[in-house]
Amino acid sequence: MKFGMRKPSIKKSIAARTTGRAKRSLKKAIIPGYGKKGTGWIKNPKKAVYNKIYNKTSFNIWDLFK
């Protein structure tokens, strides 16, 4: 488990910004639970708990400049 500052990845940040709106809307039309809040707890509770703790105990480098 990571505590403290996360290491930035330029590759992942570019990928996150360029994932198109069309791709998300297509998935939302096909997969009934896609994009709904709280579905992670139903699909994989172990991963959801890990992610919840991880996001509370670590921070991004860009958060320091806000």
PDB file of N, CA and C in Angstrom:
ATOM      1  N   MET A   1       0.849  -1.185   0.000  1.00  0.00           N
ATOM      2  CA  MET A   1       0.000   0.000   0.000  1.00  0.00           C
ATOM      3  C   MET A   1       0.887   1.237   0.000  1.00  0.00           C
ATOM      4  N   LYS A   2       0.551   2.187  -0.837  1.00  0.00           N
ATOM      5  CA  LYS A   2       1.331   3.418  -0.978  1.00  0.00           C
ATOM      6  C   LYS A   2       0.833   4.474   0.009  1.00  0.00           C
ATOM      7  N   PHE A   3       1.781   5.090   0.714  1.00  0.00           N
ATOM      8  CA  PHE A   3       1.485   6.221   1.587  1.00  0.00           C
ATOM      9  C   PHE A   3       2.301   7.399   1.102  1.00  0.00           C
ATOM     10  N   GLY A   4       1.708   8.569   1.033  1.00  0.00           N
ATOM     11  CA  GLY A   4       2.446   9.751   0.608  1.00  0.00           C
ATOM     12  C   GLY A   4       2.222  10.077  -0.853  1.00  0.00           C
ATOM     13  N   MET A   5       3.241  10.696  -1.473  1.00  0.00           N
ATOM     14  CA  MET A   5       3.110  11.208  -2.825  1.00  0.00           C
ATOM     15  C   MET A   5       3.226  10.108  -3.881  1.00  0.00           C
ATOM     16  N   ARG A   6       2.315  10.144  -4.867  1.00  0.00           N
ATOM     17  CA  ARG A   6       2.371   9.216  -5.988  1.00  0.00           C
ATOM     18  C   ARG A   6       3.334   9.753  -7.037  1.00  0.00           C
ATOM     19  N   LYS A   7       4.000   8.846  -7.738  1.00  0.00           N
ATOM     20  CA  LYS A   7       4.928   9.220  -8.801  1.00  0.00           C
ATOM     21  C   LYS A   7       4.120   9.525 -10.071  1.00  0.00           C
ATOM     22  N   PRO A   8       4.295  10.693 -10.680  1.00  0.00           N
ATOM     23  CA  PRO A   8       3.504  11.023 -11.866  1.00  0.00           C
ATOM     24  C   PRO A   8       3.940  10.222 -13.093  1.00  0.00           C
ATOM     25  N   SER A   9       2.978   9.863 -13.937  1.00  0.00           N
ATOM     26  CA  SER A   9       3.242   9.159 -15.185  1.00  0.00           C
ATOM     27  C   SER A   9       2.647   9.988 -16.320  1.00  0.00           C
ATOM     28  N   ILE A  10       3.498  10.528 -17.162  1.00  0.00           N
ATOM     29  CA  ILE A  10       3.041  11.368 -18.282  1.00  0.00           C
ATOM     30  C   ILE A  10       2.212  10.539 -19.250  1.00  0.00           C
ATOM     31  N   LYS A  11       2.648   9.304 -19.501  1.00  0.00           N
ATOM     32  CA  LYS A  11       1.948   8.416 -20.429  1.00  0.00           C
ATOM     33  C   LYS A  11       0.508   8.162 -19.994  1.00  0.00           C
ATOM     34  N   LYS A  12       0.319   7.869 -18.701  1.00  0.00           N
ATOM     35  CA  LYS A  12      -1.026   7.591 -18.183  1.00  0.00           C
ATOM     36  C   LYS A  12      -1.899   8.838 -18.139  1.00  0.00           C
ATOM     37  N   SER A  13      -1.283  10.003 -17.848  1.00  0.00           N
ATOM     38  CA  SER A  13      -2.088  11.222 -17.786  1.00  0.00           C
ATOM     39  C   SER A  13      -2.571  11.627 -19.179  1.00  0.00           C
ATOM     40  N   ILE A  14      -1.744  11.408 -20.206  1.00  0.00           N
ATOM     41  CA  ILE A  14      -2.158  11.701 -21.585  1.00  0.00           C
ATOM     42  C   ILE A  14      -3.261  10.737 -22.013  1.00  0.00           C
ATOM     43  N   ALA A  15      -3.117   9.457 -21.651  1.00  0.00           N
ATOM     44  CA  ALA A  15      -4.131   8.458 -21.997  1.00  0.00           C
ATOM     45  C   ALA A  15      -5.471   8.793 -21.346  1.00  0.00           C
ATOM     46  N   ALA A  16      -5.442   9.264 -20.119  1.00  0.00           N
ATOM     47  CA  ALA A  16      -6.676   9.618 -19.413  1.00  0.00           C
ATOM     48  C   ALA A  16      -7.358  10.823 -20.045  1.00  0.00           C
ATOM     49  N   ARG A  17      -6.588  11.758 -20.537  1.00  0.00           N
ATOM     50  CA  ARG A  17      -7.169  12.963 -21.135  1.00  0.00           C
ATOM     51  C   ARG A  17      -7.679  12.736 -22.541  1.00  0.00           C
ATOM     52  N   THR A  18      -7.146  11.741 -23.253  1.00  0.00           N
ATOM     53  CA  THR A  18      -7.519  11.535 -24.649  1.00  0.00           C
ATOM     54  C   THR A  18      -8.539  10.423 -24.863  1.00  0.00           C
ATOM     55  N   THR A  19      -8.982   9.756 -23.786  1.00  0.00           N
ATOM     56  CA  THR A  19     -10.042   8.765 -23.935  1.00  0.00           C
ATOM     57  C   THR A  19     -11.314   9.527 -24.287  1.00  0.00           C
ATOM     58  N   GLY A  20     -11.841   9.229 -25.441  1.00  0.00           N
ATOM     59  CA  GLY A  20     -12.912  10.039 -26.011  1.00  0.00           C
ATOM     60  C   GLY A  20     -14.259   9.904 -25.351  1.00  0.00           C
ATOM     61  N   ARG A  21     -15.046  10.946 -25.513  1.00  0.00           N
ATOM     62  CA  ARG A  21     -16.419  10.961 -25.006  1.00  0.00           C
ATOM     63  C   ARG A  21     -17.257   9.911 -25.712  1.00  0.00           C
ATOM     64  N   ALA A  22     -16.954   9.672 -27.007  1.00  0.00           N
ATOM     65  CA  ALA A  22     -17.704   8.686 -27.784  1.00  0.00           C
ATOM     66  C   ALA A  22     -17.515   7.280 -27.226  1.00  0.00           C
ATOM     67  N   LYS A  23     -16.276   6.961 -26.832  1.00  0.00           N
ATOM     68  CA  LYS A  23     -15.977   5.645 -26.271  1.00  0.00           C
ATOM     69  C   LYS A  23     -16.748   5.420 -24.974  1.00  0.00           C
ATOM     70  N   ARG A  24     -16.787   6.450 -24.122  1.00  0.00           N
ATOM     71  CA  ARG A  24     -17.517   6.334 -22.853  1.00  0.00           C
ATOM     72  C   ARG A  24     -19.013   6.203 -23.083  1.00  0.00           C
ATOM     73  N   SER A  25     -19.557   6.988 -24.017  1.00  0.00           N
ATOM     74  CA  SER A  25     -21.000   6.932 -24.275  1.00  0.00           C
ATOM     75  C   SER A  25     -21.395   5.599 -24.906  1.00  0.00           C
ATOM     76  N   LEU A  26     -20.507   5.029 -25.722  1.00  0.00           N
ATOM     77  CA  LEU A  26     -20.765   3.725 -26.326  1.00  0.00           C
ATOM     78  C   LEU A  26     -20.807   2.642 -25.252  1.00  0.00           C
ATOM     79  N   LYS A  27     -19.824   2.669 -24.340  1.00  0.00           N
ATOM     80  CA  LYS A  27     -19.799   1.692 -23.246  1.00  0.00           C
ATOM     81  C   LYS A  27     -21.033   1.836 -22.361  1.00  0.00           C
ATOM     82  N   LYS A  28     -21.446   3.079 -22.114  1.00  0.00           N
ATOM     83  CA  LYS A  28     -22.615   3.330 -21.275  1.00  0.00           C
ATOM     84  C   LYS A  28     -23.885   2.771 -21.911  1.00  0.00           C
ATOM     85  N   ALA A  29     -23.940   2.811 -23.245  1.00  0.00           N
ATOM     86  CA  ALA A  29     -25.107   2.293 -23.957  1.00  0.00           C
ATOM     87  C   ALA A  29     -25.146   0.766 -23.952  1.00  0.00           C
ATOM     88  N   ILE A  30     -23.963   0.131 -24.003  1.00  0.00           N
ATOM     89  CA  ILE A  30     -23.885  -1.325 -24.088  1.00  0.00           C
ATOM     90  C   ILE A  30     -23.924  -1.985 -22.711  1.00  0.00           C
ATOM     91  N   ILE A  31     -23.105  -1.473 -21.773  1.00  0.00           N
ATOM     92  CA  ILE A  31     -22.984  -2.078 -20.445  1.00  0.00           C
ATOM     93  C   ILE A  31     -23.912  -1.339 -19.476  1.00  0.00           C
ATOM     94  N   PRO A  32     -24.888  -2.021 -18.883  1.00  0.00           N
ATOM     95  CA  PRO A  32     -25.889  -1.339 -18.052  1.00  0.00           C
ATOM     96  C   PRO A  32     -25.329  -0.636 -16.817  1.00  0.00           C
ATOM     97  N   GLY A  33     -24.316  -1.201 -16.162  1.00  0.00           N
ATOM     98  CA  GLY A  33     -23.806  -0.600 -14.934  1.00  0.00           C
ATOM     99  C   GLY A  33     -22.605   0.306 -15.133  1.00  0.00           C
ATOM    100  N   TYR A  34     -22.200   0.535 -16.381  1.00  0.00           N
ATOM    101  CA  TYR A  34     -20.992   1.321 -16.647  1.00  0.00           C
ATOM    102  C   TYR A  34     -21.181   2.787 -16.260  1.00  0.00           C
ATOM    103  N   GLY A  35     -20.249   3.299 -15.467  1.00  0.00           N
ATOM    104  CA  GLY A  35     -20.275   4.702 -15.089  1.00  0.00           C
ATOM    105  C   GLY A  35     -21.188   5.026 -13.925  1.00  0.00           C
ATOM    106  N   LYS A  36     -21.847   4.036 -13.373  1.00  0.00           N
ATOM    107  CA  LYS A  36     -22.729   4.269 -12.241  1.00  0.00           C
ATOM    108  C   LYS A  36     -21.925   4.270 -10.945  1.00  0.00           C
ATOM    109  N   LYS A  37     -22.312   5.120 -10.040  1.00  0.00           N
ATOM    110  CA  LYS A  37     -21.610   5.246  -8.769  1.00  0.00           C
ATOM    111  C   LYS A  37     -21.900   4.036  -7.881  1.00  0.00           C
ATOM    112  N   GLY A  38     -20.858   3.487  -7.277  1.00  0.00           N
ATOM    113  CA  GLY A  38     -21.013   2.396  -6.334  1.00  0.00           C
ATOM    114  C   GLY A  38     -21.000   1.004  -6.929  1.00  0.00           C
ATOM    115  N   THR A  39     -20.854   0.875  -8.245  1.00  0.00           N
ATOM    116  CA  THR A  39     -20.861  -0.460  -8.854  1.00  0.00           C
ATOM    117  C   THR A  39     -19.575  -1.219  -8.564  1.00  0.00           C
ATOM    118  N   GLY A  40     -18.509  -0.531  -8.207  1.00  0.00           N
ATOM    119  CA  GLY A  40     -17.253  -1.190  -7.861  1.00  0.00           C
ATOM    120  C   GLY A  40     -17.392  -2.046  -6.621  1.00  0.00           C
ATOM    121  N   TRP A  41     -18.217  -1.615  -5.682  1.00  0.00           N
ATOM    122  CA  TRP A  41     -18.445  -2.381  -4.455  1.00  0.00           C
ATOM    123  C   TRP A  41     -19.175  -3.686  -4.757  1.00  0.00           C
ATOM    124  N   ILE A  42     -20.003  -3.692  -5.779  1.00  0.00           N
ATOM    125  CA  ILE A  42     -20.759  -4.892  -6.148  1.00  0.00           C
ATOM    126  C   ILE A  42     -19.879  -5.858  -6.948  1.00  0.00           C
ATOM    127  N   LYS A  43     -19.148  -5.319  -7.933  1.00  0.00           N
ATOM    128  CA  LYS A  43     -18.329  -6.153  -8.817  1.00  0.00           C
ATOM    129  C   LYS A  43     -17.120  -6.754  -8.121  1.00  0.00           C
ATOM    130  N   ASN A  44     -16.362  -5.929  -7.387  1.00  0.00           N
ATOM    131  CA  ASN A  44     -15.134  -6.412  -6.749  1.00  0.00           C
ATOM    132  C   ASN A  44     -14.912  -5.644  -5.443  1.00  0.00           C
ATOM    133  N   PRO A  45     -15.511  -6.088  -4.344  1.00  0.00           N
ATOM    134  CA  PRO A  45     -15.427  -5.350  -3.072  1.00  0.00           C
ATOM    135  C   PRO A  45     -14.008  -5.219  -2.522  1.00  0.00           C
ATOM    136  N   LYS A  46     -13.175  -6.252  -2.725  1.00  0.00           N
ATOM    137  CA  LYS A  46     -11.803  -6.223  -2.224  1.00  0.00           C
ATOM    138  C   LYS A  46     -11.003  -5.091  -2.881  1.00  0.00           C
ATOM    139  N   LYS A  47     -11.147  -4.963  -4.191  1.00  0.00           N
ATOM    140  CA  LYS A  47     -10.462  -3.907  -4.943  1.00  0.00           C
ATOM    141  C   LYS A  47     -11.015  -2.529  -4.569  1.00  0.00           C
ATOM    142  N   ALA A  48     -12.320  -2.444  -4.341  1.00  0.00           N
ATOM    143  CA  ALA A  48     -12.951  -1.180  -3.979  1.00  0.00           C
ATOM    144  C   ALA A  48     -12.441  -0.671  -2.637  1.00  0.00           C
ATOM    145  N   VAL A  49     -12.257  -1.578  -1.673  1.00  0.00           N
ATOM    146  CA  VAL A  49     -11.724  -1.204  -0.359  1.00  0.00           C
ATOM    147  C   VAL A  49     -10.287  -0.726  -0.498  1.00  0.00           C
ATOM    148  N   TYR A  50      -9.491  -1.465  -1.278  1.00  0.00           N
ATOM    149  CA  TYR A  50      -8.089  -1.094  -1.503  1.00  0.00           C
ATOM    150  C   TYR A  50      -7.997   0.298  -2.122  1.00  0.00           C
ATOM    151  N   ASN A  51      -8.789   0.541  -3.165  1.00  0.00           N
ATOM    152  CA  ASN A  51      -8.755   1.836  -3.853  1.00  0.00           C
ATOM    153  C   ASN A  51      -9.202   2.979  -2.945  1.00  0.00           C
ATOM    154  N   LYS A  52     -10.182   2.733  -2.104  1.00  0.00           N
ATOM    155  CA  LYS A  52     -10.676   3.755  -1.178  1.00  0.00           C
ATOM    156  C   LYS A  52      -9.574   4.177  -0.206  1.00  0.00           C
ATOM    157  N   ILE A  53      -8.874   3.186   0.359  1.00  0.00           N
ATOM    158  CA  ILE A  53      -7.781   3.468   1.297  1.00  0.00           C
ATOM    159  C   ILE A  53      -6.618   4.135   0.574  1.00  0.00           C
ATOM    160  N   TYR A  54      -6.275   3.623  -0.615  1.00  0.00           N
ATOM    161  CA  TYR A  54      -5.164   4.164  -1.405  1.00  0.00           C
ATOM    162  C   TYR A  54      -5.384   5.634  -1.739  1.00  0.00           C
ATOM    163  N   ASN A  55      -6.596   5.967  -2.158  1.00  0.00           N
ATOM    164  CA  ASN A  55      -6.892   7.346  -2.536  1.00  0.00           C
ATOM    165  C   ASN A  55      -6.913   8.293  -1.344  1.00  0.00           C
ATOM    166  N   LYS A  56      -7.171   7.769  -0.146  1.00  0.00           N
ATOM    167  CA  LYS A  56      -7.168   8.614   1.046  1.00  0.00           C
ATOM    168  C   LYS A  56      -5.768   8.807   1.621  1.00  0.00           C
ATOM    169  N   THR A  57      -4.864   7.838   1.408  1.00  0.00           N
ATOM    170  CA  THR A  57      -3.537   7.899   2.024  1.00  0.00           C
ATOM    171  C   THR A  57      -2.444   8.404   1.093  1.00  0.00           C
ATOM    172  N   SER A  58      -2.731   8.574  -0.185  1.00  0.00           N
ATOM    173  CA  SER A  58      -1.721   9.066  -1.120  1.00  0.00           C
ATOM    174  C   SER A  58      -2.252  10.323  -1.813  1.00  0.00           C
ATOM    175  N   PHE A  59      -1.320  11.092  -2.391  1.00  0.00           N
ATOM    176  CA  PHE A  59      -1.724  12.308  -3.090  1.00  0.00           C
ATOM    177  C   PHE A  59      -0.847  12.499  -4.322  1.00  0.00           C
ATOM    178  N   ASN A  60      -1.332  13.303  -5.232  1.00  0.00           N
ATOM    179  CA  ASN A  60      -0.666  13.580  -6.489  1.00  0.00           C
ATOM    180  C   ASN A  60       0.274  14.770  -6.311  1.00  0.00           C
ATOM    181  N   ILE A  61       1.332  14.830  -7.102  1.00  0.00           N
ATOM    182  CA  ILE A  61       2.278  15.949  -7.022  1.00  0.00           C
ATOM    183  C   ILE A  61       1.600  17.270  -7.389  1.00  0.00           C
ATOM    184  N   TRP A  62       0.608  17.200  -8.291  1.00  0.00           N
ATOM    185  CA  TRP A  62      -0.074  18.428  -8.735  1.00  0.00           C
ATOM    186  C   TRP A  62      -0.983  18.995  -7.647  1.00  0.00           C
ATOM    187  N   ASP A  63      -1.348  18.182  -6.662  1.00  0.00           N
ATOM    188  CA  ASP A  63      -2.148  18.667  -5.534  1.00  0.00           C
ATOM    189  C   ASP A  63      -1.367  19.670  -4.673  1.00  0.00           C
ATOM    190  N   LEU A  64      -0.054  19.606  -4.727  1.00  0.00           N
ATOM    191  CA  LEU A  64       0.778  20.527  -3.939  1.00  0.00           C
ATOM    192  C   LEU A  64       0.689  21.958  -4.478  1.00  0.00           C
ATOM    193  N   PHE A  65       0.376  22.091  -5.778  1.00  0.00           N
ATOM    194  CA  PHE A  65       0.324  23.407  -6.403  1.00  0.00           C
ATOM    195  C   PHE A  65      -1.063  24.027  -6.395  1.00  0.00           C
ATOM    196  N   LYS A  66      -2.055  23.324  -5.866  1.00  0.00           N
ATOM    197  CA  LYS A  66      -3.417  23.860  -5.814  1.00  0.00           C
ATOM    198  C   LYS A  66      -3.615  24.694  -4.569  1.00  0.00           C
TER     199      LYS A  66
END
